[in-house]
Amino acid sequence: MSVRQATEDDAETIERVRYETWQATYRGLMPDALLDRMTPNVGARRERLRAQPPDHSCFVAEAGGAVVGFAFGGPERAKDPDYRGEVYAIYVLPAFQGRGLGRALIRECARELGQRGITSLLIWVLRENEIGRRFYERLGGRAVREKPLEGIPGAEGQVEVGYGWADTTRLR
């Protein structure tokens, strides 16, 4: 198992991981109609990887030569006064969870941010996602913020919890 910088060629597998993980993780937590109409969007993902700002990073986790997880990170998007970095998304296929890949992906995001002088971090997770919340707590994150989930039609009323690390030294 390994973690490496993502390339445009990873767009299809990143989208497959995103789709499969959403279906497994959010069924019963998010409206079924939202999950049922979800589809992988490889073209949009490829364009996002191609046009990724230089201060953003995307890493993929591989097992047996196949991409089984990914994470995107960069500067915190809402200009939070306490947390300058953010992991925007992290997903690992359910069959590969519990093997240290999520930890390795977050470590790479924290290292990349640390090289830019950003040593605090925020990650948002759906409030009802107990597995995700326990994972961040095991990594030393503390629940520090809450906000409505935005930008996902059909998910109105959902709430996200922000987990923060004031100092990412232990993550790195």
N, C-alpha and C. Protein backbone atom coordinates (compact mmCIF):
# COMPACT_ATOMS: atom_id res chain seq x y z
N MET A 1 0.85 -1.17 0.00
CA MET A 1 0.00 0.00 0.00
C MET A 1 0.89 1.24 0.00
N SER A 2 0.46 2.24 -0.78
CA SER A 2 1.26 3.45 -0.89
C SER A 2 0.36 4.66 -1.15
N VAL A 3 0.93 5.84 -0.93
CA VAL A 3 0.25 7.10 -1.21
C VAL A 3 1.14 7.90 -2.14
N ARG A 4 0.53 8.52 -3.15
CA ARG A 4 1.29 9.34 -4.10
C ARG A 4 0.44 10.52 -4.54
N GLN A 5 1.10 11.48 -5.18
CA GLN A 5 0.41 12.64 -5.74
C GLN A 5 -0.49 12.15 -6.87
N ALA A 6 -1.70 12.65 -6.94
CA ALA A 6 -2.63 12.27 -8.00
C ALA A 6 -2.27 12.99 -9.30
N THR A 7 -2.66 12.39 -10.42
CA THR A 7 -2.51 13.00 -11.73
C THR A 7 -3.87 13.03 -12.41
N GLU A 8 -3.93 13.70 -13.55
CA GLU A 8 -5.18 13.73 -14.32
C GLU A 8 -5.63 12.33 -14.69
N ASP A 9 -4.69 11.43 -14.88
CA ASP A 9 -5.03 10.05 -15.25
C ASP A 9 -5.77 9.31 -14.14
N ASP A 10 -5.77 9.85 -12.94
CA ASP A 10 -6.47 9.22 -11.81
C ASP A 10 -7.93 9.63 -11.71
N ALA A 11 -8.39 10.51 -12.60
CA ALA A 11 -9.74 11.07 -12.48
C ALA A 11 -10.81 9.98 -12.42
N GLU A 12 -10.72 8.98 -13.28
CA GLU A 12 -11.75 7.95 -13.32
C GLU A 12 -11.79 7.15 -12.02
N THR A 13 -10.62 6.76 -11.52
CA THR A 13 -10.62 5.95 -10.30
C THR A 13 -10.98 6.79 -9.08
N ILE A 14 -10.60 8.06 -9.06
CA ILE A 14 -11.01 8.93 -7.96
C ILE A 14 -12.53 9.03 -7.93
N GLU A 15 -13.14 9.21 -9.09
CA GLU A 15 -14.60 9.30 -9.14
C GLU A 15 -15.26 7.99 -8.74
N ARG A 16 -14.67 6.86 -9.11
CA ARG A 16 -15.22 5.57 -8.70
C ARG A 16 -15.17 5.43 -7.18
N VAL A 17 -14.04 5.81 -6.58
CA VAL A 17 -13.90 5.74 -5.13
C VAL A 17 -14.91 6.67 -4.46
N ARG A 18 -15.05 7.90 -4.97
CA ARG A 18 -16.01 8.85 -4.40
C ARG A 18 -17.42 8.29 -4.47
N TYR A 19 -17.81 7.78 -5.62
CA TYR A 19 -19.16 7.25 -5.81
C TYR A 19 -19.41 6.06 -4.88
N GLU A 20 -18.53 5.08 -4.90
CA GLU A 20 -18.74 3.86 -4.10
C GLU A 20 -18.73 4.16 -2.60
N THR A 21 -17.86 5.07 -2.19
CA THR A 21 -17.78 5.41 -0.77
C THR A 21 -19.02 6.16 -0.32
N TRP A 22 -19.50 7.10 -1.14
CA TRP A 22 -20.74 7.80 -0.80
C TRP A 22 -21.89 6.82 -0.66
N GLN A 23 -22.01 5.89 -1.60
CA GLN A 23 -23.11 4.93 -1.56
C GLN A 23 -23.07 4.10 -0.28
N ALA A 24 -21.88 3.68 0.13
CA ALA A 24 -21.74 2.83 1.31
C ALA A 24 -21.85 3.63 2.61
N THR A 25 -21.27 4.81 2.64
CA THR A 25 -21.18 5.58 3.88
C THR A 25 -22.46 6.33 4.20
N TYR A 26 -23.07 6.94 3.20
CA TYR A 26 -24.17 7.87 3.44
C TYR A 26 -25.56 7.28 3.29
N ARG A 27 -25.66 6.01 2.84
CA ARG A 27 -26.98 5.37 2.74
C ARG A 27 -27.55 5.27 4.14
N GLY A 28 -28.71 5.85 4.36
CA GLY A 28 -29.33 5.89 5.67
C GLY A 28 -29.02 7.17 6.44
N LEU A 29 -27.99 7.91 6.01
CA LEU A 29 -27.65 9.18 6.64
C LEU A 29 -28.10 10.36 5.79
N MET A 30 -28.11 10.16 4.47
CA MET A 30 -28.53 11.18 3.51
C MET A 30 -29.77 10.63 2.79
N PRO A 31 -30.56 11.51 2.19
CA PRO A 31 -31.74 11.02 1.48
C PRO A 31 -31.39 10.04 0.36
N ASP A 32 -32.14 8.95 0.27
CA ASP A 32 -31.90 7.96 -0.78
C ASP A 32 -31.96 8.57 -2.17
N ALA A 33 -32.88 9.51 -2.38
CA ALA A 33 -33.02 10.13 -3.70
C ALA A 33 -31.74 10.83 -4.12
N LEU A 34 -31.06 11.46 -3.19
CA LEU A 34 -29.78 12.12 -3.49
C LEU A 34 -28.76 11.09 -3.94
N LEU A 35 -28.63 10.00 -3.21
CA LEU A 35 -27.66 8.97 -3.55
C LEU A 35 -28.03 8.24 -4.84
N ASP A 36 -29.32 8.04 -5.07
CA ASP A 36 -29.77 7.33 -6.27
C ASP A 36 -29.49 8.10 -7.55
N ARG A 37 -29.49 9.43 -7.46
CA ARG A 37 -29.25 10.21 -8.69
C ARG A 37 -27.76 10.57 -8.86
N MET A 38 -26.95 10.20 -7.90
CA MET A 38 -25.52 10.50 -7.97
C MET A 38 -24.86 9.65 -9.06
N THR A 39 -23.96 10.26 -9.81
CA THR A 39 -23.19 9.54 -10.82
C THR A 39 -21.75 10.04 -10.80
N PRO A 40 -20.80 9.21 -11.17
CA PRO A 40 -19.42 9.68 -11.29
C PRO A 40 -19.32 10.69 -12.44
N ASN A 41 -18.54 11.74 -12.24
CA ASN A 41 -18.35 12.75 -13.27
C ASN A 41 -16.85 12.86 -13.58
N VAL A 42 -16.38 11.96 -14.41
CA VAL A 42 -14.95 11.84 -14.70
C VAL A 42 -14.43 13.09 -15.41
N GLY A 43 -15.20 13.62 -16.34
CA GLY A 43 -14.75 14.81 -17.06
C GLY A 43 -14.53 15.99 -16.14
N ALA A 44 -15.47 16.24 -15.25
CA ALA A 44 -15.34 17.35 -14.31
C ALA A 44 -14.16 17.10 -13.37
N ARG A 45 -13.99 15.87 -12.93
CA ARG A 45 -12.87 15.55 -12.03
C ARG A 45 -11.54 15.77 -12.75
N ARG A 46 -11.44 15.32 -13.99
CA ARG A 46 -10.20 15.50 -14.75
C ARG A 46 -9.88 16.98 -14.88
N GLU A 47 -10.89 17.79 -15.18
CA GLU A 47 -10.67 19.24 -15.32
C GLU A 47 -10.25 19.86 -14.00
N ARG A 48 -10.85 19.41 -12.90
CA ARG A 48 -10.46 19.94 -11.59
C ARG A 48 -9.02 19.59 -11.26
N LEU A 49 -8.58 18.38 -11.62
CA LEU A 49 -7.19 18.00 -11.38
C LEU A 49 -6.25 18.82 -12.27
N ARG A 50 -6.64 19.04 -13.50
CA ARG A 50 -5.82 19.80 -14.45
C ARG A 50 -5.67 21.26 -14.00
N ALA A 51 -6.76 21.84 -13.50
CA ALA A 51 -6.77 23.26 -13.15
C ALA A 51 -6.54 23.50 -11.65
N GLN A 52 -6.08 22.48 -10.96
CA GLN A 52 -5.89 22.59 -9.51
C GLN A 52 -4.93 23.73 -9.18
N PRO A 53 -5.32 24.64 -8.28
CA PRO A 53 -4.42 25.73 -7.89
C PRO A 53 -3.12 25.16 -7.30
N PRO A 54 -2.03 25.89 -7.42
CA PRO A 54 -0.75 25.38 -6.92
C PRO A 54 -0.70 25.17 -5.42
N ASP A 55 -1.59 25.82 -4.67
CA ASP A 55 -1.59 25.64 -3.22
C ASP A 55 -2.55 24.55 -2.76
N HIS A 56 -3.12 23.79 -3.70
CA HIS A 56 -3.98 22.65 -3.40
C HIS A 56 -3.22 21.37 -3.74
N SER A 57 -3.58 20.28 -3.09
CA SER A 57 -2.96 18.99 -3.33
C SER A 57 -4.01 17.91 -3.42
N CYS A 58 -3.72 16.90 -4.21
CA CYS A 58 -4.56 15.70 -4.25
C CYS A 58 -3.63 14.50 -4.18
N PHE A 59 -3.93 13.61 -3.25
CA PHE A 59 -3.16 12.39 -3.09
C PHE A 59 -4.08 11.20 -3.29
N VAL A 60 -3.53 10.11 -3.82
CA VAL A 60 -4.29 8.87 -3.93
C VAL A 60 -3.57 7.79 -3.14
N ALA A 61 -4.35 6.87 -2.59
CA ALA A 61 -3.83 5.70 -1.90
C ALA A 61 -4.03 4.51 -2.82
N GLU A 62 -2.99 3.71 -2.95
CA GLU A 62 -3.05 2.53 -3.81
C GLU A 62 -2.84 1.26 -3.00
N ALA A 63 -3.51 0.22 -3.43
CA ALA A 63 -3.32 -1.12 -2.87
C ALA A 63 -3.35 -2.08 -4.04
N GLY A 64 -2.33 -2.88 -4.18
CA GLY A 64 -2.26 -3.82 -5.30
C GLY A 64 -2.26 -3.12 -6.65
N GLY A 65 -1.73 -1.91 -6.71
CA GLY A 65 -1.67 -1.17 -7.96
C GLY A 65 -2.94 -0.44 -8.33
N ALA A 66 -3.98 -0.54 -7.52
CA ALA A 66 -5.26 0.13 -7.81
C ALA A 66 -5.49 1.27 -6.81
N VAL A 67 -6.07 2.37 -7.29
CA VAL A 67 -6.43 3.48 -6.42
C VAL A 67 -7.64 3.07 -5.59
N VAL A 68 -7.51 3.16 -4.27
CA VAL A 68 -8.58 2.76 -3.36
C VAL A 68 -8.98 3.88 -2.40
N GLY A 69 -8.34 5.04 -2.54
CA GLY A 69 -8.67 6.17 -1.70
C GLY A 69 -8.04 7.43 -2.24
N PHE A 70 -8.53 8.57 -1.76
CA PHE A 70 -7.95 9.85 -2.17
C PHE A 70 -8.25 10.91 -1.13
N ALA A 71 -7.48 11.99 -1.18
CA ALA A 71 -7.71 13.15 -0.32
C ALA A 71 -7.29 14.41 -1.06
N PHE A 72 -8.08 15.47 -0.89
CA PHE A 72 -7.78 16.79 -1.43
C PHE A 72 -7.56 17.72 -0.25
N GLY A 73 -6.55 18.58 -0.33
CA GLY A 73 -6.30 19.54 0.72
C GLY A 73 -5.74 20.84 0.19
N GLY A 74 -5.76 21.86 1.04
CA GLY A 74 -5.22 23.17 0.69
C GLY A 74 -5.55 24.17 1.77
N PRO A 75 -5.50 25.45 1.43
CA PRO A 75 -5.84 26.48 2.41
C PRO A 75 -7.31 26.36 2.84
N GLU A 76 -7.58 26.70 4.07
CA GLU A 76 -8.95 26.67 4.58
C GLU A 76 -9.78 27.68 3.78
N ARG A 77 -10.94 27.24 3.31
CA ARG A 77 -11.72 28.01 2.34
C ARG A 77 -12.51 29.18 2.92
N ALA A 78 -12.90 29.13 4.18
CA ALA A 78 -13.78 30.16 4.74
C ALA A 78 -13.03 31.21 5.55
N LYS A 79 -11.72 31.20 5.48
CA LYS A 79 -10.88 32.16 6.23
C LYS A 79 -11.12 32.06 7.74
N ASP A 80 -11.18 30.83 8.21
CA ASP A 80 -11.34 30.58 9.64
C ASP A 80 -10.18 31.23 10.40
N PRO A 81 -10.46 31.92 11.50
CA PRO A 81 -9.38 32.60 12.21
C PRO A 81 -8.40 31.67 12.94
N ASP A 82 -8.81 30.43 13.17
CA ASP A 82 -7.97 29.52 13.95
C ASP A 82 -7.32 28.40 13.14
N TYR A 83 -7.86 28.09 11.98
CA TYR A 83 -7.38 26.95 11.20
C TYR A 83 -7.08 27.42 9.78
N ARG A 84 -5.83 27.31 9.37
CA ARG A 84 -5.42 27.85 8.07
C ARG A 84 -5.43 26.81 6.96
N GLY A 85 -5.39 25.53 7.30
CA GLY A 85 -5.42 24.47 6.30
C GLY A 85 -6.70 23.68 6.39
N GLU A 86 -7.00 22.96 5.30
CA GLU A 86 -8.22 22.15 5.28
C GLU A 86 -8.00 20.91 4.42
N VAL A 87 -8.54 19.80 4.86
CA VAL A 87 -8.68 18.63 4.00
C VAL A 87 -10.11 18.72 3.49
N TYR A 88 -10.23 18.98 2.18
CA TYR A 88 -11.54 19.22 1.58
C TYR A 88 -12.35 17.94 1.42
N ALA A 89 -11.67 16.85 1.14
CA ALA A 89 -12.35 15.56 0.95
C ALA A 89 -11.35 14.45 1.21
N ILE A 90 -11.82 13.39 1.83
CA ILE A 90 -11.03 12.18 2.01
C ILE A 90 -11.98 11.00 1.96
N TYR A 91 -11.67 10.05 1.08
CA TYR A 91 -12.49 8.86 0.93
C TYR A 91 -11.60 7.65 0.71
N VAL A 92 -11.92 6.56 1.38
CA VAL A 92 -11.25 5.28 1.19
C VAL A 92 -12.35 4.24 1.01
N LEU A 93 -12.20 3.40 -0.01
CA LEU A 93 -13.20 2.36 -0.24
C LEU A 93 -13.43 1.55 1.04
N PRO A 94 -14.67 1.22 1.35
CA PRO A 94 -14.95 0.49 2.60
C PRO A 94 -14.10 -0.76 2.80
N ALA A 95 -13.85 -1.52 1.75
CA ALA A 95 -13.06 -2.75 1.90
C ALA A 95 -11.62 -2.48 2.31
N PHE A 96 -11.15 -1.24 2.18
CA PHE A 96 -9.77 -0.90 2.50
C PHE A 96 -9.66 0.00 3.72
N GLN A 97 -10.78 0.30 4.37
CA GLN A 97 -10.75 1.10 5.58
C GLN A 97 -10.18 0.28 6.73
N GLY A 98 -9.58 0.96 7.68
CA GLY A 98 -8.99 0.28 8.84
C GLY A 98 -7.61 -0.27 8.58
N ARG A 99 -7.00 0.09 7.45
CA ARG A 99 -5.66 -0.40 7.10
C ARG A 99 -4.60 0.70 7.14
N GLY A 100 -4.97 1.88 7.63
CA GLY A 100 -4.01 2.98 7.74
C GLY A 100 -3.94 3.89 6.53
N LEU A 101 -4.75 3.63 5.51
CA LEU A 101 -4.70 4.47 4.31
C LEU A 101 -5.26 5.87 4.56
N GLY A 102 -6.34 5.98 5.31
CA GLY A 102 -6.90 7.29 5.63
C GLY A 102 -5.90 8.12 6.42
N ARG A 103 -5.28 7.49 7.38
CA ARG A 103 -4.25 8.17 8.18
C ARG A 103 -3.10 8.64 7.28
N ALA A 104 -2.67 7.78 6.36
CA ALA A 104 -1.57 8.14 5.45
C ALA A 104 -1.96 9.29 4.54
N LEU A 105 -3.20 9.30 4.06
CA LEU A 105 -3.66 10.39 3.20
C LEU A 105 -3.69 11.72 3.95
N ILE A 106 -4.20 11.71 5.17
CA ILE A 106 -4.23 12.93 5.97
C ILE A 106 -2.81 13.38 6.30
N ARG A 107 -1.94 12.43 6.59
CA ARG A 107 -0.54 12.77 6.87
C ARG A 107 0.09 13.49 5.68
N GLU A 108 -0.15 12.99 4.47
CA GLU A 108 0.42 13.64 3.29
C GLU A 108 -0.15 15.03 3.08
N CYS A 109 -1.45 15.20 3.30
CA CYS A 109 -2.03 16.54 3.19
C CYS A 109 -1.41 17.48 4.23
N ALA A 110 -1.28 17.00 5.47
CA ALA A 110 -0.69 17.83 6.53
C ALA A 110 0.77 18.15 6.23
N ARG A 111 1.52 17.20 5.68
CA ARG A 111 2.92 17.46 5.32
C ARG A 111 3.03 18.51 4.23
N GLU A 112 2.20 18.36 3.21
CA GLU A 112 2.22 19.31 2.11
C GLU A 112 1.88 20.72 2.61
N LEU A 113 0.85 20.83 3.43
CA LEU A 113 0.48 22.12 3.99
C LEU A 113 1.60 22.65 4.90
N GLY A 114 2.18 21.78 5.69
CA GLY A 114 3.27 22.18 6.58
C GLY A 114 4.47 22.75 5.82
N GLN A 115 4.74 22.20 4.64
CA GLN A 115 5.84 22.72 3.82
C GLN A 115 5.56 24.15 3.36
N ARG A 116 4.29 24.54 3.37
CA ARG A 116 3.90 25.90 3.00
C ARG A 116 3.70 26.79 4.23
N GLY A 117 4.06 26.27 5.41
CA GLY A 117 3.93 27.04 6.63
C GLY A 117 2.55 26.99 7.26
N ILE A 118 1.69 26.09 6.77
CA ILE A 118 0.33 25.95 7.31
C ILE A 118 0.32 24.74 8.25
N THR A 119 0.21 25.01 9.54
CA THR A 119 0.34 23.94 10.53
C THR A 119 -0.90 23.74 11.39
N SER A 120 -2.03 24.30 10.96
CA SER A 120 -3.31 24.01 11.62
C SER A 120 -4.25 23.50 10.53
N LEU A 121 -5.23 22.69 10.94
CA LEU A 121 -6.02 21.97 9.94
C LEU A 121 -7.46 21.80 10.41
N LEU A 122 -8.36 21.85 9.44
CA LEU A 122 -9.79 21.64 9.68
C LEU A 122 -10.30 20.63 8.67
N ILE A 123 -11.14 19.71 9.13
CA ILE A 123 -11.79 18.73 8.26
C ILE A 123 -13.27 18.70 8.65
N TRP A 124 -14.15 18.76 7.64
CA TRP A 124 -15.58 18.72 7.88
C TRP A 124 -16.13 17.32 7.63
N VAL A 125 -17.06 16.90 8.48
CA VAL A 125 -17.66 15.58 8.37
C VAL A 125 -19.15 15.69 8.72
N LEU A 126 -19.96 14.92 8.03
CA LEU A 126 -21.40 14.91 8.32
C LEU A 126 -21.60 14.53 9.79
N ARG A 127 -22.43 15.31 10.49
CA ARG A 127 -22.62 15.09 11.93
C ARG A 127 -23.02 13.66 12.26
N GLU A 128 -23.84 13.04 11.43
CA GLU A 128 -24.31 11.69 11.70
C GLU A 128 -23.30 10.60 11.31
N ASN A 129 -22.21 10.97 10.69
CA ASN A 129 -21.20 10.00 10.26
C ASN A 129 -20.30 9.64 11.45
N GLU A 130 -20.80 8.74 12.29
CA GLU A 130 -20.07 8.37 13.51
C GLU A 130 -18.73 7.70 13.21
N ILE A 131 -18.66 6.92 12.15
CA ILE A 131 -17.40 6.25 11.81
C ILE A 131 -16.34 7.30 11.47
N GLY A 132 -16.70 8.27 10.63
CA GLY A 132 -15.77 9.33 10.27
C GLY A 132 -15.36 10.16 11.48
N ARG A 133 -16.31 10.47 12.32
CA ARG A 133 -16.02 11.28 13.50
C ARG A 133 -15.06 10.56 14.44
N ARG A 134 -15.29 9.28 14.67
CA ARG A 134 -14.38 8.51 15.54
C ARG A 134 -12.97 8.44 14.93
N PHE A 135 -12.89 8.32 13.61
CA PHE A 135 -11.59 8.29 12.92
C PHE A 135 -10.82 9.59 13.21
N TYR A 136 -11.46 10.74 13.03
CA TYR A 136 -10.78 12.01 13.26
C TYR A 136 -10.40 12.17 14.73
N GLU A 137 -11.25 11.70 15.63
CA GLU A 137 -10.93 11.77 17.05
C GLU A 137 -9.72 10.91 17.39
N ARG A 138 -9.62 9.73 16.79
CA ARG A 138 -8.45 8.87 17.02
C ARG A 138 -7.17 9.54 16.53
N LEU A 139 -7.28 10.39 15.52
CA LEU A 139 -6.12 11.11 15.00
C LEU A 139 -5.81 12.36 15.81
N GLY A 140 -6.60 12.63 16.84
CA GLY A 140 -6.35 13.78 17.70
C GLY A 140 -7.17 15.01 17.37
N GLY A 141 -8.08 14.91 16.42
CA GLY A 141 -8.93 16.06 16.08
C GLY A 141 -9.99 16.29 17.14
N ARG A 142 -10.36 17.56 17.27
CA ARG A 142 -11.41 17.94 18.21
C ARG A 142 -12.54 18.57 17.44
N ALA A 143 -13.78 18.26 17.81
CA ALA A 143 -14.94 18.90 17.20
C ALA A 143 -14.95 20.36 17.64
N VAL A 144 -14.79 21.28 16.68
CA VAL A 144 -14.64 22.69 17.02
C VAL A 144 -15.65 23.61 16.34
N ARG A 145 -16.36 23.11 15.33
CA ARG A 145 -17.28 23.95 14.57
C ARG A 145 -18.46 23.11 14.10
N GLU A 146 -19.59 23.77 13.83
CA GLU A 146 -20.72 23.15 13.14
C GLU A 146 -21.26 24.14 12.13
N LYS A 147 -21.78 23.62 11.02
CA LYS A 147 -22.39 24.48 10.00
C LYS A 147 -23.34 23.63 9.16
N PRO A 148 -24.29 24.29 8.52
CA PRO A 148 -25.17 23.55 7.60
C PRO A 148 -24.36 23.05 6.40
N LEU A 149 -24.67 21.86 5.95
CA LEU A 149 -24.05 21.33 4.73
C LEU A 149 -24.58 22.14 3.56
N GLU A 150 -23.70 22.64 2.73
CA GLU A 150 -24.10 23.50 1.62
C GLU A 150 -23.62 22.91 0.30
N GLY A 151 -24.31 23.30 -0.77
CA GLY A 151 -23.85 22.96 -2.11
C GLY A 151 -24.23 21.58 -2.61
N ILE A 152 -25.07 20.86 -1.88
CA ILE A 152 -25.49 19.53 -2.31
C ILE A 152 -27.02 19.53 -2.35
N PRO A 153 -27.60 19.72 -3.55
CA PRO A 153 -29.06 19.70 -3.66
C PRO A 153 -29.64 18.39 -3.15
N GLY A 154 -30.65 18.50 -2.31
CA GLY A 154 -31.29 17.33 -1.72
C GLY A 154 -30.78 17.01 -0.34
N ALA A 155 -29.75 17.72 0.11
CA ALA A 155 -29.18 17.47 1.44
C ALA A 155 -29.50 18.58 2.42
N GLU A 156 -30.53 19.37 2.11
CA GLU A 156 -30.90 20.46 2.99
C GLU A 156 -31.21 19.92 4.38
N GLY A 157 -30.80 20.67 5.38
CA GLY A 157 -31.05 20.26 6.76
C GLY A 157 -29.92 19.44 7.36
N GLN A 158 -28.98 18.99 6.56
CA GLN A 158 -27.84 18.24 7.08
C GLN A 158 -26.84 19.20 7.71
N VAL A 159 -26.11 18.71 8.69
CA VAL A 159 -25.14 19.53 9.42
C VAL A 159 -23.78 18.86 9.36
N GLU A 160 -22.75 19.68 9.20
CA GLU A 160 -21.37 19.19 9.23
C GLU A 160 -20.70 19.64 10.52
N VAL A 161 -19.80 18.80 11.01
CA VAL A 161 -18.98 19.12 12.17
C VAL A 161 -17.56 19.30 11.68
N GLY A 162 -16.92 20.38 12.10
CA GLY A 162 -15.53 20.62 11.76
C GLY A 162 -14.63 20.09 12.85
N TYR A 163 -13.69 19.22 12.45
CA TYR A 163 -12.69 18.71 13.37
C TYR A 163 -11.40 19.49 13.13
N GLY A 164 -10.81 19.99 14.22
CA GLY A 164 -9.63 20.83 14.09
C GLY A 164 -8.42 20.29 14.79
N TRP A 165 -7.28 20.64 14.22
CA TRP A 165 -5.96 20.39 14.81
C TRP A 165 -5.28 21.74 14.85
N ALA A 166 -5.04 22.28 16.04
CA ALA A 166 -4.36 23.56 16.17
C ALA A 166 -2.90 23.46 15.74
N ASP A 167 -2.34 22.26 15.85
CA ASP A 167 -0.94 22.01 15.47
C ASP A 167 -0.89 20.62 14.84
N THR A 168 -0.47 20.55 13.60
CA THR A 168 -0.46 19.27 12.88
C THR A 168 0.84 18.48 13.01
N THR A 169 1.72 18.88 13.93
CA THR A 169 2.99 18.19 14.07
C THR A 169 2.81 16.69 14.23
N ARG A 170 1.89 16.26 15.08
CA ARG A 170 1.69 14.82 15.31
C ARG A 170 1.09 14.12 14.09
N LEU A 171 0.31 14.84 13.30
CA LEU A 171 -0.24 14.24 12.08
C LEU A 171 0.83 14.01 11.02
N ARG A 172 1.81 14.94 11.00
CA ARG A 172 2.85 14.87 9.98
C ARG A 172 3.89 13.83 10.31
